[in-house]
Amino acid sequence: MSEGERTGVLVLRVWIERDAGNGLRARITAERELGSGERTSVAAVTIEQILAYIRTWVEEFVAAD
């Protein structure tokens, strides 16, 4: 990374649980400033929840500049 460059990371893990509702499960772990150690982790069970979280995270990352 060059000086003044910001890097964030978002990891999306998805799986299917056959015995639960629609079965979709997701764990999203994010760090807005790589190396800060300030991570957030959320769970989601619908595609809409997953996409909403990712969209919000990216918007907040861009706005923080």
C-alpha atoms as a PDB file:
ATOM      1  CA  MET A   1       0.000   0.000   0.000  1.00  0.00           C
ATOM      2  CA  SER A   2       1.171   3.463  -0.739  1.00  0.00           C
ATOM      3  CA  GLU A   3       1.011   6.248   1.825  1.00  0.00           C
ATOM      4  CA  GLY A   4      -2.494   7.675   2.169  1.00  0.00           C
ATOM      5  CA  GLU A   5      -4.103   4.581   0.651  1.00  0.00           C
ATOM      6  CA  ARG A   6      -6.883   2.944   2.638  1.00  0.00           C
ATOM      7  CA  THR A   7      -7.755  -0.716   2.393  1.00  0.00           C
ATOM      8  CA  GLY A   8     -10.722  -2.508   3.880  1.00  0.00           C
ATOM      9  CA  VAL A   9     -11.657  -6.162   3.780  1.00  0.00           C
ATOM     10  CA  LEU A  10     -15.013  -7.908   3.781  1.00  0.00           C
ATOM     11  CA  VAL A  11     -15.300 -11.710   3.903  1.00  0.00           C
ATOM     12  CA  LEU A  12     -18.570 -13.369   2.987  1.00  0.00           C
ATOM     13  CA  ARG A  13     -19.095 -17.011   3.974  1.00  0.00           C
ATOM     14  CA  VAL A  14     -22.310 -18.701   2.813  1.00  0.00           C
ATOM     15  CA  TRP A  15     -23.684 -22.187   3.340  1.00  0.00           C
ATOM     16  CA  ILE A  16     -26.945 -24.135   3.246  1.00  0.00           C
ATOM     17  CA  GLU A  17     -28.461 -25.790   6.322  1.00  0.00           C
ATOM     18  CA  ARG A  18     -30.961 -28.283   4.974  1.00  0.00           C
ATOM     19  CA  ASP A  19     -33.088 -28.446   8.151  1.00  0.00           C
ATOM     20  CA  ALA A  20     -33.595 -24.714   8.734  1.00  0.00           C
ATOM     21  CA  GLY A  21     -36.149 -22.479   6.989  1.00  0.00           C
ATOM     22  CA  ASN A  22     -34.871 -21.572   3.540  1.00  0.00           C
ATOM     23  CA  GLY A  23     -31.517 -23.014   4.594  1.00  0.00           C
ATOM     24  CA  LEU A  24     -29.404 -20.059   3.511  1.00  0.00           C
ATOM     25  CA  ARG A  25     -26.920 -18.877   6.108  1.00  0.00           C
ATOM     26  CA  ALA A  26     -24.214 -16.237   5.840  1.00  0.00           C
ATOM     27  CA  ARG A  27     -21.522 -14.808   8.075  1.00  0.00           C
ATOM     28  CA  ILE A  28     -20.049 -11.488   7.015  1.00  0.00           C
ATOM     29  CA  THR A  29     -16.863 -10.313   8.680  1.00  0.00           C
ATOM     30  CA  ALA A  30     -15.559  -6.866   7.844  1.00  0.00           C
ATOM     31  CA  GLU A  31     -12.721  -4.556   8.741  1.00  0.00           C
ATOM     32  CA  ARG A  32     -12.991  -1.008   7.410  1.00  0.00           C
ATOM     33  CA  GLU A  33      -9.319  -0.185   7.925  1.00  0.00           C
ATOM     34  CA  LEU A  34      -7.108  -3.197   7.303  1.00  0.00           C
ATOM     35  CA  GLY A  35      -4.843  -3.787  10.277  1.00  0.00           C
ATOM     36  CA  SER A  36      -6.932  -1.762  12.715  1.00  0.00           C
ATOM     37  CA  GLY A  37      -8.165  -4.870  14.508  1.00  0.00           C
ATOM     38  CA  GLU A  38     -11.671  -3.379  14.602  1.00  0.00           C
ATOM     39  CA  ARG A  39     -13.725  -6.122  13.018  1.00  0.00           C
ATOM     40  CA  THR A  40     -17.456  -6.502  12.792  1.00  0.00           C
ATOM     41  CA  SER A  41     -19.270  -9.736  12.220  1.00  0.00           C
ATOM     42  CA  VAL A  42     -22.916 -10.201  11.297  1.00  0.00           C
ATOM     43  CA  ALA A  43     -25.167 -13.094  10.356  1.00  0.00           C
ATOM     44  CA  ALA A  44     -27.750 -13.092   7.582  1.00  0.00           C
ATOM     45  CA  VAL A  45     -30.345 -15.570   6.350  1.00  0.00           C
ATOM     46  CA  THR A  46     -31.633 -13.938   3.159  1.00  0.00           C
ATOM     47  CA  ILE A  47     -30.022 -12.707  -0.019  1.00  0.00           C
ATOM     48  CA  GLU A  48     -31.548  -9.290   0.622  1.00  0.00           C
ATOM     49  CA  GLN A  49     -29.888  -9.044   4.055  1.00  0.00           C
ATOM     50  CA  ILE A  50     -26.529 -10.045   2.609  1.00  0.00           C
ATOM     51  CA  LEU A  51     -26.689  -7.522  -0.221  1.00  0.00           C
ATOM     52  CA  ALA A  52     -27.965  -4.728   2.037  1.00  0.00           C
ATOM     53  CA  TYR A  53     -25.059  -5.208   4.448  1.00  0.00           C
ATOM     54  CA  ILE A  54     -22.475  -5.285   1.671  1.00  0.00           C
ATOM     55  CA  ARG A  55     -23.939  -2.177   0.026  1.00  0.00           C
ATOM     56  CA  THR A  56     -23.982  -0.261   3.337  1.00  0.00           C
ATOM     57  CA  TRP A  57     -20.420  -1.328   4.129  1.00  0.00           C
ATOM     58  CA  VAL A  58     -19.086  -0.167   0.751  1.00  0.00           C
ATOM     59  CA  GLU A  59     -21.002   3.128   0.944  1.00  0.00           C
ATOM     60  CA  GLU A  60     -19.597   3.816   4.428  1.00  0.00           C
ATOM     61  CA  PHE A  61     -16.086   2.864   3.309  1.00  0.00           C
ATOM     62  CA  VAL A  62     -16.249   5.328   0.405  1.00  0.00           C
ATOM     63  CA  ALA A  63     -17.832   8.087   2.537  1.00  0.00           C
ATOM     64  CA  ALA A  64     -15.086   7.806   5.166  1.00  0.00           C
ATOM     65  CA  ASP A  65     -12.519   9.110   2.693  1.00  0.00           C
END
